[in-house]
Protein backbone atom coordinates (compact mmCIF):
# COMPACT_ATOMS: atom_id res chain seq x y z
CA UNK A 1 -0.02 0.22 -0.08
CA UNK A 2 1.24 3.72 -1.29
CA UNK A 3 2.13 5.84 1.68
CA UNK A 4 -0.29 8.63 2.01
CA UNK A 5 1.50 12.39 1.27
CA UNK A 6 3.63 14.10 3.66
CA UNK A 7 1.80 16.93 5.41
CA UNK A 8 0.45 20.02 3.93
CA UNK A 9 0.04 22.73 6.17
CA UNK A 10 -1.71 25.23 4.56
CA UNK A 11 -0.92 29.53 3.71
CA UNK A 12 0.25 30.86 6.87
CA UNK A 13 -0.32 28.50 9.79
CA UNK A 14 0.87 29.09 12.90
CA UNK A 15 2.14 26.09 14.69
CA UNK A 16 3.17 26.29 18.29
CA UNK A 17 5.70 23.65 20.03
CA UNK A 18 5.54 20.04 20.43
CA UNK A 19 2.62 19.75 17.93
CA UNK A 20 2.74 16.58 15.28
CA UNK A 21 1.39 16.06 12.05
CA UNK A 22 1.16 12.68 10.44
CA UNK A 23 0.97 12.01 6.82
CA UNK A 24 -2.24 12.32 5.06
CA UNK A 25 -2.91 16.10 7.02
CA UNK A 26 -3.79 18.61 4.92
CA UNK A 27 -4.55 21.73 6.50
CA UNK A 28 -6.89 25.03 5.10
CA UNK A 29 -5.32 28.27 5.14
CA UNK A 30 -4.70 30.54 8.53
CA UNK A 31 -5.00 27.67 11.07
CA UNK A 32 -3.50 27.96 14.24
CA UNK A 33 -2.15 24.59 16.03
CA UNK A 34 -1.27 24.95 19.53
CA UNK A 35 1.37 23.25 21.95
CA UNK A 36 1.57 19.61 21.89
CA UNK A 37 -1.11 18.61 19.35
CA UNK A 38 -1.18 15.37 17.40
CA UNK A 39 -2.86 16.00 14.17
CA UNK A 40 -3.69 12.95 12.05
CA UNK A 41 -3.22 10.32 14.50
CA UNK A 42 -2.85 6.79 13.12
CA UNK A 43 -5.87 4.45 14.36
CA UNK A 44 -3.29 1.26 13.66
CA UNK A 45 0.38 1.30 12.89
CA UNK A 46 0.27 3.92 10.00
CA UNK A 47 -2.07 6.30 7.98
CA UNK A 48 -4.58 5.12 5.67
CA UNK A 49 -7.14 7.85 5.86
CA UNK A 50 -6.33 11.51 5.00
CA UNK A 51 -7.10 14.37 7.99
CA UNK A 52 -8.66 17.58 6.58
CA UNK A 53 -9.21 20.88 7.85
CA UNK A 54 -10.74 24.03 6.45
CA UNK A 55 -9.56 27.50 6.51
CA UNK A 56 -9.01 29.67 10.02
CA UNK A 57 -9.27 26.65 12.16
CA UNK A 58 -8.01 27.09 15.65
CA UNK A 59 -6.76 24.05 17.77
CA UNK A 60 -5.87 24.81 21.05
CA UNK A 61 -3.49 22.96 22.99
CA UNK A 62 -3.31 19.13 23.69
CA UNK A 63 -5.67 18.18 21.10
CA UNK A 64 -5.25 14.63 19.03
CA UNK A 65 -7.32 14.69 15.89
CA UNK A 66 -7.03 10.87 14.41
CA UNK A 67 -6.90 10.55 11.21
CA UNK A 68 -9.93 10.55 8.54
CA UNK A 69 -11.33 13.67 10.41
CA UNK A 70 -12.69 16.18 8.52
CA UNK A 71 -12.90 19.97 9.83
CA UNK A 72 -14.85 22.97 8.16
CA UNK A 73 -14.11 26.73 8.03
CA UNK A 74 -13.71 28.68 11.05
CA UNK A 75 -13.96 25.72 13.88
CA UNK A 76 -12.28 26.27 17.00
CA UNK A 77 -11.59 23.19 19.28
CA UNK A 78 -10.71 23.31 22.74
CA UNK A 79 -7.65 22.42 24.96
CA UNK A 80 -7.23 18.81 25.75
CA UNK A 81 -10.35 17.20 23.37
CA UNK A 82 -9.99 14.14 21.29
CA UNK A 83 -11.28 14.11 18.16
CA UNK A 84 -11.01 10.35 17.16
CA UNK A 85 -11.09 8.98 13.22
CA UNK A 86 -13.98 9.92 10.70
CA UNK A 87 -15.31 12.48 12.60
CA UNK A 88 -16.98 15.48 10.53
CA UNK A 89 -16.99 18.83 12.24
CA UNK A 90 -19.14 20.71 9.81
CA UNK A 91 -18.45 25.11 9.27
CA UNK A 92 -18.31 27.02 12.46
CA UNK A 93 -18.38 24.58 14.90
CA UNK A 94 -17.04 25.26 18.63
CA UNK A 95 -15.95 22.52 20.51
CA UNK A 96 -15.04 23.24 24.04
CA UNK A 97 -12.42 22.10 26.55
CA UNK A 98 -11.61 18.52 27.36
CA UNK A 99 -14.52 17.14 24.63
CA UNK A 100 -14.55 13.61 23.13
CA UNK A 101 -15.97 12.88 19.70
CA UNK A 102 -16.18 9.79 19.11
CA UNK A 103 -15.80 7.92 16.01
CA UNK A 104 -18.04 8.46 12.93
CA UNK A 105 -19.87 11.44 14.54
CA UNK A 106 -21.02 14.33 12.35
CA UNK A 107 -21.08 17.94 14.31
CA UNK A 108 -23.42 20.09 11.94
CA UNK A 109 -22.57 23.56 10.99
CA UNK A 110 -22.91 26.54 13.94
CA UNK A 111 -23.29 23.94 16.85
CA UNK A 112 -21.48 24.49 20.18
CA UNK A 113 -20.37 21.34 22.55
CA UNK A 114 -20.00 22.16 26.09
CA UNK A 115 -16.54 21.73 27.62
CA UNK A 116 -16.38 17.99 28.77
CA UNK A 117 -19.08 16.56 26.99
CA UNK A 118 -18.45 13.49 25.44
CA UNK A 119 -20.37 12.49 22.10
CA UNK A 120 -21.48 8.74 21.10
CA UNK A 121 -20.09 6.95 18.26
CA UNK A 122 -21.61 7.47 15.44
CA UNK A 123 -23.86 10.07 16.60
CA UNK A 124 -25.35 13.61 14.47
CA UNK A 125 -25.26 16.45 16.72
CA UNK A 126 -27.34 19.75 15.38
CA UNK A 127 -27.09 23.30 16.70
CA UNK A 128 -30.33 22.63 18.89
CA UNK A 129 -28.80 19.24 20.70
CA UNK A 130 -28.38 20.32 24.14
CA UNK A 131 -25.27 18.73 25.63
CA UNK A 132 -24.59 18.90 29.23
CA UNK A 133 -21.02 19.14 30.53
CA UNK A 134 -20.36 16.74 33.29
CA UNK A 135 -20.28 19.87 35.59
CA UNK A 136 -23.74 20.45 34.89
CA UNK A 137 -24.76 17.78 37.27
CA UNK A 138 -28.28 17.00 36.02
CA UNK A 139 -30.62 16.44 39.16
CA UNK A 140 -33.62 14.51 39.01
CA UNK A 141 -36.60 15.73 40.37
CA UNK A 142 -39.66 14.12 41.37
CA UNK A 143 -43.46 15.61 41.15
CA UNK A 144 -45.82 13.84 42.54
CA UNK A 145 -50.06 15.14 41.74
CA UNK A 146 -52.25 12.97 43.92
CA UNK A 147 -55.43 14.74 42.94
CA UNK A 148 -56.33 12.27 40.25
CA UNK A 149 -59.41 13.99 38.64
CA UNK A 150 -58.03 14.60 34.71
CA UNK A 151 -57.28 17.87 34.30
CA UNK A 152 -54.22 19.66 33.37
CA UNK A 153 -51.27 20.75 35.75
CA UNK A 154 -48.09 22.47 35.53
CA UNK A 155 -44.56 22.18 37.32
CA UNK A 156 -43.08 25.33 38.14
CA UNK A 157 -39.53 25.46 38.41
CA UNK A 158 -39.46 28.73 40.41
CA UNK A 159 -42.34 26.88 42.90
CA UNK A 160 -40.10 24.04 43.25
CA UNK A 161 -36.80 25.64 44.01
CA UNK A 162 -35.09 25.24 40.95
CA UNK A 163 -35.74 28.99 39.32
CA UNK A 164 -32.27 29.19 37.97
CA UNK A 165 -32.59 25.27 36.56
CA UNK A 166 -33.56 24.57 32.84
CA UNK A 167 -35.79 21.49 32.45
CA UNK A 168 -34.42 18.16 30.13
CA UNK A 169 -36.97 17.43 27.19
CA UNK A 170 -37.12 13.66 28.11
CA UNK A 171 -39.95 13.88 31.24
CA UNK A 172 -41.38 10.47 32.19
CA UNK A 173 -45.17 10.34 33.91
CA UNK A 174 -45.76 7.06 36.06
CA UNK A 175 -48.99 5.99 38.03
CA UNK A 176 -48.10 7.09 41.48
CA UNK A 177 -49.27 4.06 43.30
CA UNK A 178 -47.89 1.03 41.08
CA UNK A 179 -45.03 3.29 39.69
CA UNK A 180 -46.14 1.95 36.26
CA UNK A 181 -45.22 3.89 33.39
CA UNK A 182 -47.82 6.04 31.90
CA UNK A 183 -48.27 6.01 27.83
CA UNK A 184 -49.68 8.59 25.73
CA UNK A 185 -50.01 11.57 28.54
CA UNK A 186 -49.44 14.97 26.80
CA UNK A 187 -46.43 16.35 27.96
CA UNK A 188 -45.22 20.11 26.53
CA UNK A 189 -41.56 21.04 28.40
CA UNK A 190 -40.83 24.44 28.04
CA UNK A 191 -37.74 26.36 29.85
CA UNK A 192 -38.82 26.35 32.92
CA UNK A 193 -42.15 24.76 33.20
CA UNK A 194 -43.92 21.14 32.55
CA UNK A 195 -47.11 21.11 31.45
CA UNK A 196 -49.05 17.49 31.87
CA UNK A 197 -52.16 16.97 30.25
CA UNK A 198 -53.92 13.57 31.59
CA UNK A 199 -56.75 13.81 29.17
CA UNK A 200 -58.94 10.63 30.56
CA UNK A 201 -56.81 9.38 33.27
CA UNK A 202 -57.85 9.87 36.48
CA UNK A 203 -55.46 8.66 38.62
CA UNK A 204 -52.73 10.25 40.83
CA UNK A 205 -49.26 10.55 39.10
CA UNK A 206 -45.41 11.00 39.57
CA UNK A 207 -43.64 12.96 37.10
CA UNK A 208 -39.65 12.44 36.79
CA UNK A 209 -37.92 15.21 35.28
CA UNK A 210 -34.08 16.60 34.93
CA UNK A 211 -33.09 19.77 35.62
CA UNK A 212 -29.71 21.04 34.83
CA UNK A 213 -28.17 24.55 36.32
CA UNK A 214 -29.46 27.83 34.44
């Protein structure tokens, strides 16, 4: 098998100390790569896939990007992050510090990834995807509605002592007595409240939801 070409660092790159470029790397123009990065890190013993960046990309200290990654224009990658093989970062993506993006994932244009986040293998992340970092320490909350008359009710974060929090979009509703998950309940989440319409259900219910710090 023929070797991939030597690295092409593009026009007017700014490269800091300790950074290594492997074969098959093709940088765009005006890229900045800071200290101790590994760009095009092979998965096996030698490189078999090209690693490509667009223009005006900024890669902070101690970042490792594996071979086969494709990075668009105006992308920023925070320090100590790892981008695994065949990941696609589209234009204007911002990756926080200490982020791990596993192989075959696609981060769509203008998406911002929180520091410390981990993106699963093969994931597609859009600008509207909320990805909490580990420091966001989501807290599971429980709200029990015991009236059991089938009328809609609202869970408000302010009254529940979480005025600065943000409700996750995943909400589960259970029978308050049997703990059996209820299907077909109409649940609407806003930034700081949940509206639950029980419809014909006339039993007490328990709602589990998660709150991330605001």
